[in-house]
Amino acid sequence: MNPEVTQYIEKLQPWQIEVCGELRKMISHTIPDVQERLQYGKPHYLKNGHYACVIHGAKEKISFMIFNAGELEEIKGFFKSTTSPDRKTATIIEGQKIDYEVVARLLGKASASL
C-alpha cells in the first residue's frame, strides 16, 4: 500500500476511512497486481499502466470511479455514467449499505481488458 494514499484516507471522516479501507481491499483482491498511487490529489489505481479506478473523498460522500466502464450497466441511485462515456461513478454516502461483491464484479469486468 502506498503511504501517500494511506495519509490521504486518514484525513477523511471516520465512516469514509472505513469505506476507503474496504474499497482498497476490494481493489487489490480484484486486480492482484494493481499499482496504487496518489495522483491529482486522489488515490488512483492502475493495471498495466492504465487507469482502472479512483477514489475521491468529498465532504459528504465518497466517489468511486471506474475507468473503461462504457459497457457496464448503471445501477439506479448508485452507479452511473459521468460526462466521459468510458467512466462510471459510484456515489457512497454515510450509512449506505455497499455490496462490495457487486462493485468488485463491475471493476473486474471493466479492468479485464487493461
N, C-alpha and C. Protein backbone atom coordinates (compact mmCIF):
# COMPACT_ATOMS: atom_id res chain seq x y z
N MET A 1 0.83 -1.18 0.00
CA MET A 1 0.00 0.00 0.00
C MET A 1 0.88 1.25 0.00
N ASN A 2 0.45 2.20 -0.77
CA ASN A 2 1.18 3.45 -0.91
C ASN A 2 0.94 4.33 0.33
N PRO A 3 2.02 4.77 1.02
CA PRO A 3 1.82 5.59 2.22
C PRO A 3 1.15 6.93 1.95
N GLU A 4 1.32 7.50 0.77
CA GLU A 4 0.63 8.75 0.44
C GLU A 4 -0.88 8.55 0.37
N VAL A 5 -1.29 7.41 -0.15
CA VAL A 5 -2.72 7.09 -0.21
C VAL A 5 -3.25 6.87 1.20
N THR A 6 -2.49 6.19 2.02
CA THR A 6 -2.89 5.99 3.42
C THR A 6 -3.08 7.32 4.12
N GLN A 7 -2.16 8.27 3.93
CA GLN A 7 -2.28 9.59 4.53
C GLN A 7 -3.52 10.33 4.02
N TYR A 8 -3.80 10.21 2.72
CA TYR A 8 -5.00 10.84 2.14
C TYR A 8 -6.25 10.31 2.85
N ILE A 9 -6.33 9.01 2.98
CA ILE A 9 -7.51 8.37 3.58
C ILE A 9 -7.64 8.72 5.06
N GLU A 10 -6.53 8.75 5.77
CA GLU A 10 -6.56 9.02 7.21
C GLU A 10 -7.07 10.42 7.54
N LYS A 11 -7.09 11.33 6.58
CA LYS A 11 -7.58 12.70 6.80
C LYS A 11 -9.10 12.81 6.63
N LEU A 12 -9.74 11.73 6.19
CA LEU A 12 -11.18 11.75 5.94
C LEU A 12 -11.96 11.52 7.23
N GLN A 13 -13.28 11.58 7.14
CA GLN A 13 -14.16 11.31 8.27
C GLN A 13 -14.11 9.81 8.60
N PRO A 14 -14.38 9.43 9.86
CA PRO A 14 -14.28 8.02 10.25
C PRO A 14 -15.05 7.06 9.33
N TRP A 15 -16.27 7.40 8.95
CA TRP A 15 -17.04 6.49 8.09
C TRP A 15 -16.39 6.37 6.72
N GLN A 16 -15.77 7.47 6.24
CA GLN A 16 -15.10 7.45 4.94
C GLN A 16 -13.83 6.61 5.00
N ILE A 17 -13.12 6.68 6.11
CA ILE A 17 -11.91 5.87 6.29
C ILE A 17 -12.28 4.39 6.18
N GLU A 18 -13.37 4.02 6.83
CA GLU A 18 -13.82 2.62 6.79
C GLU A 18 -14.17 2.19 5.36
N VAL A 19 -14.94 3.01 4.65
CA VAL A 19 -15.34 2.69 3.28
C VAL A 19 -14.10 2.60 2.38
N CYS A 20 -13.20 3.56 2.49
CA CYS A 20 -12.00 3.56 1.65
C CYS A 20 -11.12 2.34 1.94
N GLY A 21 -11.05 1.94 3.20
CA GLY A 21 -10.30 0.73 3.55
C GLY A 21 -10.88 -0.50 2.87
N GLU A 22 -12.21 -0.59 2.88
CA GLU A 22 -12.86 -1.72 2.22
C GLU A 22 -12.67 -1.66 0.70
N LEU A 23 -12.75 -0.46 0.14
CA LEU A 23 -12.52 -0.31 -1.31
C LEU A 23 -11.09 -0.72 -1.67
N ARG A 24 -10.12 -0.31 -0.87
CA ARG A 24 -8.73 -0.68 -1.13
C ARG A 24 -8.55 -2.19 -1.13
N LYS A 25 -9.12 -2.85 -0.13
CA LYS A 25 -9.04 -4.32 -0.07
C LYS A 25 -9.68 -4.95 -1.29
N MET A 26 -10.87 -4.46 -1.65
CA MET A 26 -11.60 -4.98 -2.80
C MET A 26 -10.79 -4.79 -4.09
N ILE A 27 -10.19 -3.62 -4.25
CA ILE A 27 -9.41 -3.34 -5.45
C ILE A 27 -8.22 -4.29 -5.55
N SER A 28 -7.47 -4.44 -4.47
CA SER A 28 -6.28 -5.31 -4.52
C SER A 28 -6.65 -6.77 -4.71
N HIS A 29 -7.82 -7.17 -4.23
CA HIS A 29 -8.27 -8.55 -4.45
C HIS A 29 -8.73 -8.74 -5.89
N THR A 30 -9.41 -7.74 -6.44
CA THR A 30 -9.96 -7.83 -7.80
C THR A 30 -8.87 -7.68 -8.86
N ILE A 31 -7.89 -6.82 -8.61
CA ILE A 31 -6.78 -6.59 -9.55
C ILE A 31 -5.49 -6.87 -8.77
N PRO A 32 -5.05 -8.13 -8.72
CA PRO A 32 -3.92 -8.51 -7.86
C PRO A 32 -2.63 -7.69 -8.05
N ASP A 33 -2.28 -7.30 -9.24
CA ASP A 33 -1.04 -6.56 -9.48
C ASP A 33 -1.28 -5.06 -9.62
N VAL A 34 -2.33 -4.55 -9.02
CA VAL A 34 -2.69 -3.15 -9.15
C VAL A 34 -1.58 -2.25 -8.60
N GLN A 35 -1.41 -1.13 -9.24
CA GLN A 35 -0.47 -0.11 -8.76
C GLN A 35 -1.31 0.99 -8.12
N GLU A 36 -0.96 1.34 -6.89
CA GLU A 36 -1.70 2.36 -6.15
C GLU A 36 -0.81 3.59 -6.04
N ARG A 37 -1.36 4.76 -6.40
CA ARG A 37 -0.59 5.99 -6.25
C ARG A 37 -1.52 7.18 -6.06
N LEU A 38 -0.97 8.21 -5.44
CA LEU A 38 -1.70 9.46 -5.29
C LEU A 38 -1.37 10.31 -6.51
N GLN A 39 -2.39 10.64 -7.27
CA GLN A 39 -2.22 11.44 -8.48
C GLN A 39 -3.38 12.42 -8.56
N TYR A 40 -3.08 13.65 -8.94
CA TYR A 40 -4.09 14.71 -8.99
C TYR A 40 -4.79 14.85 -7.63
N GLY A 41 -4.06 14.53 -6.57
CA GLY A 41 -4.58 14.69 -5.22
C GLY A 41 -5.54 13.60 -4.75
N LYS A 42 -5.68 12.51 -5.54
CA LYS A 42 -6.61 11.43 -5.20
C LYS A 42 -5.94 10.07 -5.42
N PRO A 43 -6.39 9.05 -4.69
CA PRO A 43 -5.86 7.71 -4.91
C PRO A 43 -6.30 7.15 -6.27
N HIS A 44 -5.33 6.81 -7.10
CA HIS A 44 -5.57 6.21 -8.41
C HIS A 44 -5.00 4.80 -8.41
N TYR A 45 -5.66 3.93 -9.15
CA TYR A 45 -5.26 2.52 -9.24
C TYR A 45 -5.09 2.17 -10.71
N LEU A 46 -3.92 1.60 -11.03
CA LEU A 46 -3.59 1.30 -12.41
C LEU A 46 -3.31 -0.19 -12.60
N LYS A 47 -3.69 -0.67 -13.75
CA LYS A 47 -3.38 -2.04 -14.16
C LYS A 47 -2.64 -1.94 -15.49
N ASN A 48 -1.44 -2.50 -15.52
CA ASN A 48 -0.61 -2.46 -16.73
C ASN A 48 -0.43 -1.04 -17.25
N GLY A 49 -0.32 -0.07 -16.33
CA GLY A 49 -0.10 1.32 -16.71
C GLY A 49 -1.35 2.07 -17.14
N HIS A 50 -2.51 1.43 -17.08
CA HIS A 50 -3.78 2.06 -17.47
C HIS A 50 -4.63 2.29 -16.23
N TYR A 51 -5.33 3.43 -16.21
CA TYR A 51 -6.21 3.72 -15.08
C TYR A 51 -7.33 2.68 -15.00
N ALA A 52 -7.51 2.15 -13.81
CA ALA A 52 -8.60 1.20 -13.55
C ALA A 52 -9.70 1.87 -12.73
N CYS A 53 -9.30 2.63 -11.69
CA CYS A 53 -10.29 3.28 -10.84
C CYS A 53 -9.63 4.36 -10.00
N VAL A 54 -10.47 5.18 -9.37
CA VAL A 54 -10.01 6.25 -8.50
C VAL A 54 -11.01 6.42 -7.35
N ILE A 55 -10.48 6.74 -6.19
CA ILE A 55 -11.29 7.03 -5.01
C ILE A 55 -11.18 8.52 -4.73
N HIS A 56 -12.31 9.16 -4.42
CA HIS A 56 -12.28 10.58 -4.09
C HIS A 56 -13.16 10.82 -2.87
N GLY A 57 -12.55 11.32 -1.82
CA GLY A 57 -13.31 11.66 -0.62
C GLY A 57 -13.72 13.12 -0.67
N ALA A 58 -14.99 13.38 -0.56
CA ALA A 58 -15.52 14.74 -0.52
C ALA A 58 -16.22 14.94 0.82
N LYS A 59 -16.70 16.13 1.07
CA LYS A 59 -17.27 16.47 2.37
C LYS A 59 -18.37 15.51 2.82
N GLU A 60 -19.28 15.18 1.93
CA GLU A 60 -20.46 14.39 2.31
C GLU A 60 -20.51 13.01 1.66
N LYS A 61 -19.46 12.64 0.89
CA LYS A 61 -19.55 11.39 0.15
C LYS A 61 -18.16 10.85 -0.20
N ILE A 62 -18.16 9.64 -0.72
CA ILE A 62 -17.01 9.02 -1.36
C ILE A 62 -17.45 8.74 -2.80
N SER A 63 -16.62 9.13 -3.75
CA SER A 63 -16.88 8.78 -5.14
C SER A 63 -15.88 7.71 -5.54
N PHE A 64 -16.37 6.68 -6.18
CA PHE A 64 -15.51 5.60 -6.67
C PHE A 64 -15.74 5.49 -8.17
N MET A 65 -14.77 5.96 -8.95
CA MET A 65 -14.91 5.97 -10.40
C MET A 65 -14.16 4.80 -11.02
N ILE A 66 -14.83 4.13 -11.93
CA ILE A 66 -14.24 3.03 -12.68
C ILE A 66 -14.02 3.50 -14.12
N PHE A 67 -12.82 3.29 -14.61
CA PHE A 67 -12.47 3.62 -15.99
C PHE A 67 -12.76 2.42 -16.88
N ASN A 68 -12.80 2.64 -18.19
CA ASN A 68 -13.04 1.58 -19.17
C ASN A 68 -14.40 0.91 -18.88
N ALA A 69 -15.36 1.72 -18.46
CA ALA A 69 -16.64 1.21 -17.95
C ALA A 69 -17.82 1.47 -18.88
N GLY A 70 -17.55 1.83 -20.12
CA GLY A 70 -18.62 2.17 -21.05
C GLY A 70 -19.67 1.09 -21.23
N GLU A 71 -19.26 -0.16 -21.12
CA GLU A 71 -20.17 -1.28 -21.33
C GLU A 71 -20.87 -1.76 -20.04
N LEU A 72 -20.51 -1.20 -18.92
CA LEU A 72 -21.10 -1.64 -17.65
C LEU A 72 -22.49 -1.06 -17.48
N GLU A 73 -23.34 -1.85 -16.85
CA GLU A 73 -24.71 -1.40 -16.58
C GLU A 73 -24.72 -0.39 -15.44
N GLU A 74 -25.61 0.55 -15.52
CA GLU A 74 -25.80 1.51 -14.43
C GLU A 74 -26.65 0.86 -13.35
N ILE A 75 -26.49 1.32 -12.13
CA ILE A 75 -27.31 0.88 -11.01
C ILE A 75 -27.99 2.14 -10.47
N LYS A 76 -29.28 2.22 -10.65
CA LYS A 76 -30.04 3.43 -10.30
C LYS A 76 -29.74 3.87 -8.86
N GLY A 77 -29.40 5.15 -8.73
CA GLY A 77 -29.13 5.73 -7.43
C GLY A 77 -27.79 5.39 -6.84
N PHE A 78 -26.93 4.65 -7.58
CA PHE A 78 -25.64 4.25 -7.02
C PHE A 78 -24.49 4.35 -8.02
N PHE A 79 -24.64 3.75 -9.18
CA PHE A 79 -23.54 3.64 -10.15
C PHE A 79 -24.02 4.19 -11.47
N LYS A 80 -23.45 5.34 -11.89
CA LYS A 80 -23.98 5.98 -13.08
C LYS A 80 -22.86 6.54 -13.96
N SER A 81 -23.21 6.87 -15.18
CA SER A 81 -22.27 7.43 -16.15
C SER A 81 -21.86 8.83 -15.72
N THR A 82 -20.67 9.21 -16.17
CA THR A 82 -20.18 10.57 -15.95
C THR A 82 -20.22 11.30 -17.29
N THR A 83 -19.58 12.43 -17.33
CA THR A 83 -19.54 13.18 -18.59
C THR A 83 -18.67 12.48 -19.63
N SER A 84 -17.81 11.59 -19.20
CA SER A 84 -16.98 10.82 -20.12
C SER A 84 -17.65 9.47 -20.38
N PRO A 85 -17.80 9.06 -21.63
CA PRO A 85 -18.53 7.82 -21.93
C PRO A 85 -17.87 6.54 -21.42
N ASP A 86 -16.58 6.59 -21.10
CA ASP A 86 -15.91 5.37 -20.66
C ASP A 86 -15.72 5.30 -19.15
N ARG A 87 -16.40 6.18 -18.41
CA ARG A 87 -16.28 6.20 -16.95
C ARG A 87 -17.65 6.14 -16.30
N LYS A 88 -17.69 5.43 -15.18
CA LYS A 88 -18.91 5.40 -14.37
C LYS A 88 -18.49 5.57 -12.91
N THR A 89 -19.37 6.20 -12.14
CA THR A 89 -19.05 6.52 -10.75
C THR A 89 -20.11 6.01 -9.80
N ALA A 90 -19.63 5.41 -8.70
CA ALA A 90 -20.49 5.05 -7.58
C ALA A 90 -20.37 6.17 -6.55
N THR A 91 -21.50 6.67 -6.09
CA THR A 91 -21.52 7.70 -5.06
C THR A 91 -21.98 7.04 -3.77
N ILE A 92 -21.13 7.15 -2.74
CA ILE A 92 -21.38 6.48 -1.46
C ILE A 92 -21.53 7.55 -0.39
N ILE A 93 -22.62 7.46 0.37
CA ILE A 93 -22.86 8.41 1.45
C ILE A 93 -22.85 7.67 2.80
N GLU A 94 -22.74 8.44 3.85
CA GLU A 94 -22.66 7.85 5.20
C GLU A 94 -23.89 6.99 5.48
N GLY A 95 -23.64 5.81 6.02
CA GLY A 95 -24.71 4.89 6.40
C GLY A 95 -25.23 4.02 5.27
N GLN A 96 -24.77 4.25 4.07
CA GLN A 96 -25.24 3.48 2.92
C GLN A 96 -24.65 2.07 2.96
N LYS A 97 -25.49 1.09 2.68
CA LYS A 97 -25.02 -0.29 2.58
C LYS A 97 -24.38 -0.47 1.21
N ILE A 98 -23.18 -1.01 1.19
CA ILE A 98 -22.44 -1.20 -0.06
C ILE A 98 -22.25 -2.68 -0.30
N ASP A 99 -22.62 -3.12 -1.47
CA ASP A 99 -22.39 -4.51 -1.86
C ASP A 99 -21.04 -4.55 -2.58
N TYR A 100 -19.98 -4.81 -1.81
CA TYR A 100 -18.63 -4.80 -2.38
C TYR A 100 -18.44 -5.90 -3.43
N GLU A 101 -19.21 -6.96 -3.33
CA GLU A 101 -19.12 -8.01 -4.36
C GLU A 101 -19.59 -7.48 -5.71
N VAL A 102 -20.65 -6.70 -5.71
CA VAL A 102 -21.14 -6.10 -6.96
C VAL A 102 -20.11 -5.11 -7.50
N VAL A 103 -19.56 -4.28 -6.62
CA VAL A 103 -18.56 -3.31 -7.05
C VAL A 103 -17.34 -4.03 -7.61
N ALA A 104 -16.92 -5.12 -6.95
CA ALA A 104 -15.78 -5.91 -7.44
C ALA A 104 -16.08 -6.52 -8.81
N ARG A 105 -17.29 -6.99 -8.99
CA ARG A 105 -17.67 -7.58 -10.29
C ARG A 105 -17.58 -6.52 -11.39
N LEU A 106 -18.08 -5.33 -11.11
CA LEU A 106 -18.02 -4.23 -12.08
C LEU A 106 -16.58 -3.85 -12.39
N LEU A 107 -15.76 -3.71 -11.35
CA LEU A 107 -14.36 -3.36 -11.54
C LEU A 107 -13.62 -4.46 -12.30
N GLY A 108 -13.89 -5.70 -11.96
CA GLY A 108 -13.23 -6.82 -12.65
C GLY A 108 -13.58 -6.86 -14.12
N LYS A 109 -14.83 -6.63 -14.43
CA LYS A 109 -15.29 -6.62 -15.81
C LYS A 109 -14.63 -5.47 -16.60
N ALA A 110 -14.60 -4.29 -16.01
CA ALA A 110 -14.02 -3.12 -16.68
C ALA A 110 -12.52 -3.24 -16.85
N SER A 111 -11.84 -3.82 -15.88
CA SER A 111 -10.38 -3.87 -15.93
C SER A 111 -9.84 -5.11 -16.63
N ALA A 112 -10.69 -6.03 -17.01
CA ALA A 112 -10.24 -7.28 -17.62
C ALA A 112 -9.40 -7.06 -18.88
N SER A 113 -9.75 -6.06 -19.66
CA SER A 113 -9.04 -5.84 -20.93
C SER A 113 -7.87 -4.86 -20.81
N LEU A 114 -7.57 -4.39 -19.60
CA LEU A 114 -6.46 -3.44 -19.44
C LEU A 114 -5.12 -4.17 -19.42
